[in-house]
């Protein structure tokens, strides 16, 4: 049997996904992820001791290129309704960002 090495995304899912979903909908976290504020997540990866500094930096780069990938890792085990709520907020944030306005995003 060949074990696949754990990726940072796998670690985020395994470590945080259950609590993230169990704590209920968190609009503020979605906004922070959408804005590219990943400090708490990169800190957790770095403190885990499972990943080199280079791997953590590469993960941060990938999240900066695709912030939704972090949200996807956090929602990997979520039910369909929860996924839909987060997707609706993400889409609203995308529309707001593309409009260039400081539009108020309604809570889902």
C-alpha atoms as a PDB file:
ATOM      1  CA  UNK A   1       0.000   0.000   0.000  1.00  0.00           C
ATOM      2  CA  UNK A   2       1.386   3.393  -1.009  1.00  0.00           C
ATOM      3  CA  UNK A   3       0.478   6.168   1.375  1.00  0.00           C
ATOM      4  CA  UNK A   4       0.082   9.560  -0.201  1.00  0.00           C
ATOM      5  CA  UNK A   5       1.765  12.417   1.653  1.00  0.00           C
ATOM      6  CA  UNK A   6      -0.594  14.797   3.389  1.00  0.00           C
ATOM      7  CA  UNK A   7      -1.008  18.115   1.622  1.00  0.00           C
ATOM      8  CA  UNK A   8      -1.705  21.352   3.423  1.00  0.00           C
ATOM      9  CA  UNK A   9      -5.240  21.249   2.025  1.00  0.00           C
ATOM     10  CA  UNK A  10      -5.700  17.751   3.456  1.00  0.00           C
ATOM     11  CA  UNK A  11      -4.426  18.990   6.807  1.00  0.00           C
ATOM     12  CA  UNK A  12      -6.824  21.947   6.808  1.00  0.00           C
ATOM     13  CA  UNK A  13      -9.719  19.629   5.978  1.00  0.00           C
ATOM     14  CA  UNK A  14      -8.744  17.010   8.571  1.00  0.00           C
ATOM     15  CA  UNK A  15      -8.017  19.501  11.326  1.00  0.00           C
ATOM     16  CA  UNK A  16     -10.502  22.328  10.872  1.00  0.00           C
ATOM     17  CA  UNK A  17     -13.361  21.298   8.571  1.00  0.00           C
ATOM     18  CA  UNK A  18     -15.496  19.544  11.163  1.00  0.00           C
ATOM     19  CA  UNK A  19     -15.308  22.405  13.683  1.00  0.00           C
ATOM     20  CA  UNK A  20     -15.666  25.036  10.957  1.00  0.00           C
ATOM     21  CA  UNK A  21     -18.971  23.538   9.820  1.00  0.00           C
ATOM     22  CA  UNK A  22     -20.152  22.647  13.337  1.00  0.00           C
ATOM     23  CA  UNK A  23     -19.705  26.222  14.557  1.00  0.00           C
ATOM     24  CA  UNK A  24     -22.317  27.368  12.070  1.00  0.00           C
ATOM     25  CA  UNK A  25     -22.252  29.826   9.249  1.00  0.00           C
ATOM     26  CA  UNK A  26     -19.431  32.358   9.592  1.00  0.00           C
ATOM     27  CA  UNK A  27     -19.812  35.297   7.225  1.00  0.00           C
ATOM     28  CA  UNK A  28     -16.774  37.113   8.630  1.00  0.00           C
ATOM     29  CA  UNK A  29     -14.458  34.196   7.887  1.00  0.00           C
ATOM     30  CA  UNK A  30     -15.706  33.999   4.304  1.00  0.00           C
ATOM     31  CA  UNK A  31     -15.012  37.705   3.875  1.00  0.00           C
ATOM     32  CA  UNK A  32     -11.510  37.366   5.355  1.00  0.00           C
ATOM     33  CA  UNK A  33     -10.703  34.437   3.071  1.00  0.00           C
ATOM     34  CA  UNK A  34     -12.124  36.282   0.070  1.00  0.00           C
ATOM     35  CA  UNK A  35      -9.935  39.315   0.885  1.00  0.00           C
ATOM     36  CA  UNK A  36      -6.887  37.052   1.138  1.00  0.00           C
ATOM     37  CA  UNK A  37      -6.425  37.257   4.887  1.00  0.00           C
ATOM     38  CA  UNK A  38      -5.001  33.820   5.699  1.00  0.00           C
ATOM     39  CA  UNK A  39      -2.927  34.525   8.812  1.00  0.00           C
ATOM     40  CA  UNK A  40      -4.752  32.158  11.166  1.00  0.00           C
ATOM     41  CA  UNK A  41      -4.601  29.314   8.653  1.00  0.00           C
ATOM     42  CA  UNK A  42      -0.951  29.754   7.690  1.00  0.00           C
ATOM     43  CA  UNK A  43      -0.047  30.073  11.363  1.00  0.00           C
ATOM     44  CA  UNK A  44      -1.836  26.793  12.099  1.00  0.00           C
ATOM     45  CA  UNK A  45      -0.001  25.054   9.256  1.00  0.00           C
ATOM     46  CA  UNK A  46       3.355  26.402  10.384  1.00  0.00           C
ATOM     47  CA  UNK A  47       2.725  25.453  14.021  1.00  0.00           C
ATOM     48  CA  UNK A  48       1.626  21.923  13.136  1.00  0.00           C
ATOM     49  CA  UNK A  49       5.231  20.899  12.543  1.00  0.00           C
ATOM     50  CA  UNK A  50       4.100  18.748   9.607  1.00  0.00           C
ATOM     51  CA  UNK A  51       5.202  21.084   6.848  1.00  0.00           C
ATOM     52  CA  UNK A  52       8.377  22.880   5.937  1.00  0.00           C
ATOM     53  CA  UNK A  53       8.427  26.656   5.760  1.00  0.00           C
ATOM     54  CA  UNK A  54       8.642  26.317   1.975  1.00  0.00           C
ATOM     55  CA  UNK A  55       5.517  24.166   1.847  1.00  0.00           C
ATOM     56  CA  UNK A  56       3.600  26.615   4.026  1.00  0.00           C
ATOM     57  CA  UNK A  57       4.775  29.495   1.813  1.00  0.00           C
ATOM     58  CA  UNK A  58       3.744  27.582  -1.324  1.00  0.00           C
ATOM     59  CA  UNK A  59       0.334  26.908   0.195  1.00  0.00           C
ATOM     60  CA  UNK A  60      -0.063  30.587   1.031  1.00  0.00           C
ATOM     61  CA  UNK A  61       0.836  31.431  -2.573  1.00  0.00           C
ATOM     62  CA  UNK A  62      -1.746  28.974  -3.866  1.00  0.00           C
ATOM     63  CA  UNK A  63      -4.409  30.438  -1.572  1.00  0.00           C
ATOM     64  CA  UNK A  64      -3.517  33.920  -2.757  1.00  0.00           C
ATOM     65  CA  UNK A  65      -3.945  32.730  -6.350  1.00  0.00           C
ATOM     66  CA  UNK A  66      -7.189  30.917  -5.509  1.00  0.00           C
ATOM     67  CA  UNK A  67      -8.671  31.942  -2.145  1.00  0.00           C
ATOM     68  CA  UNK A  68     -11.697  29.759  -2.736  1.00  0.00           C
ATOM     69  CA  UNK A  69      -9.468  26.670  -2.446  1.00  0.00           C
ATOM     70  CA  UNK A  70      -9.076  27.340   1.297  1.00  0.00           C
ATOM     71  CA  UNK A  71     -12.820  27.702   1.718  1.00  0.00           C
ATOM     72  CA  UNK A  72     -13.305  24.487  -0.240  1.00  0.00           C
ATOM     73  CA  UNK A  73     -10.918  22.653   2.100  1.00  0.00           C
ATOM     74  CA  UNK A  74     -12.822  23.959   5.117  1.00  0.00           C
ATOM     75  CA  UNK A  75     -16.126  22.879   3.599  1.00  0.00           C
ATOM     76  CA  UNK A  76     -14.966  19.491   2.304  1.00  0.00           C
ATOM     77  CA  UNK A  77     -17.295  17.589   4.626  1.00  0.00           C
ATOM     78  CA  UNK A  78     -20.186  20.060   4.680  1.00  0.00           C
ATOM     79  CA  UNK A  79     -23.731  19.200   3.730  1.00  0.00           C
ATOM     80  CA  UNK A  80     -25.339  20.516   0.559  1.00  0.00           C
ATOM     81  CA  UNK A  81     -27.268  23.323   2.272  1.00  0.00           C
ATOM     82  CA  UNK A  82     -24.163  24.619   4.048  1.00  0.00           C
ATOM     83  CA  UNK A  83     -22.206  24.535   0.788  1.00  0.00           C
ATOM     84  CA  UNK A  84     -24.956  26.501  -0.940  1.00  0.00           C
ATOM     85  CA  UNK A  85     -25.004  29.189   1.776  1.00  0.00           C
ATOM     86  CA  UNK A  86     -21.258  29.697   1.525  1.00  0.00           C
ATOM     87  CA  UNK A  87     -21.369  29.652  -2.279  1.00  0.00           C
ATOM     88  CA  UNK A  88     -24.050  32.354  -2.303  1.00  0.00           C
ATOM     89  CA  UNK A  89     -21.979  34.610  -0.064  1.00  0.00           C
ATOM     90  CA  UNK A  90     -18.827  33.936  -2.092  1.00  0.00           C
ATOM     91  CA  UNK A  91     -20.662  34.820  -5.317  1.00  0.00           C
ATOM     92  CA  UNK A  92     -21.978  38.030  -3.735  1.00  0.00           C
ATOM     93  CA  UNK A  93     -18.458  38.961  -2.630  1.00  0.00           C
ATOM     94  CA  UNK A  94     -17.193  38.269  -6.153  1.00  0.00           C
ATOM     95  CA  UNK A  95     -19.887  40.505  -7.664  1.00  0.00           C
ATOM     96  CA  UNK A  96     -19.087  43.226  -5.176  1.00  0.00           C
ATOM     97  CA  UNK A  97     -15.352  42.990  -5.864  1.00  0.00           C
ATOM     98  CA  UNK A  98     -15.897  43.075  -9.622  1.00  0.00           C
ATOM     99  CA  UNK A  99     -18.246  46.023  -9.332  1.00  0.00           C
ATOM    100  CA  UNK A 100     -15.527  47.916  -7.497  1.00  0.00           C
ATOM    101  CA  UNK A 101     -18.084  49.253  -5.077  1.00  0.00           C
ATOM    102  CA  UNK A 102     -18.293  48.906  -1.344  1.00  0.00           C
ATOM    103  CA  UNK A 103     -21.631  47.195  -1.680  1.00  0.00           C
ATOM    104  CA  UNK A 104     -23.087  45.605   1.390  1.00  0.00           C
ATOM    105  CA  UNK A 105     -23.222  41.842   1.098  1.00  0.00           C
ATOM    106  CA  UNK A 106     -26.357  40.380   2.587  1.00  0.00           C
ATOM    107  CA  UNK A 107     -26.113  37.453   4.937  1.00  0.00           C
ATOM    108  CA  UNK A 108     -27.272  34.181   3.428  1.00  0.00           C
END
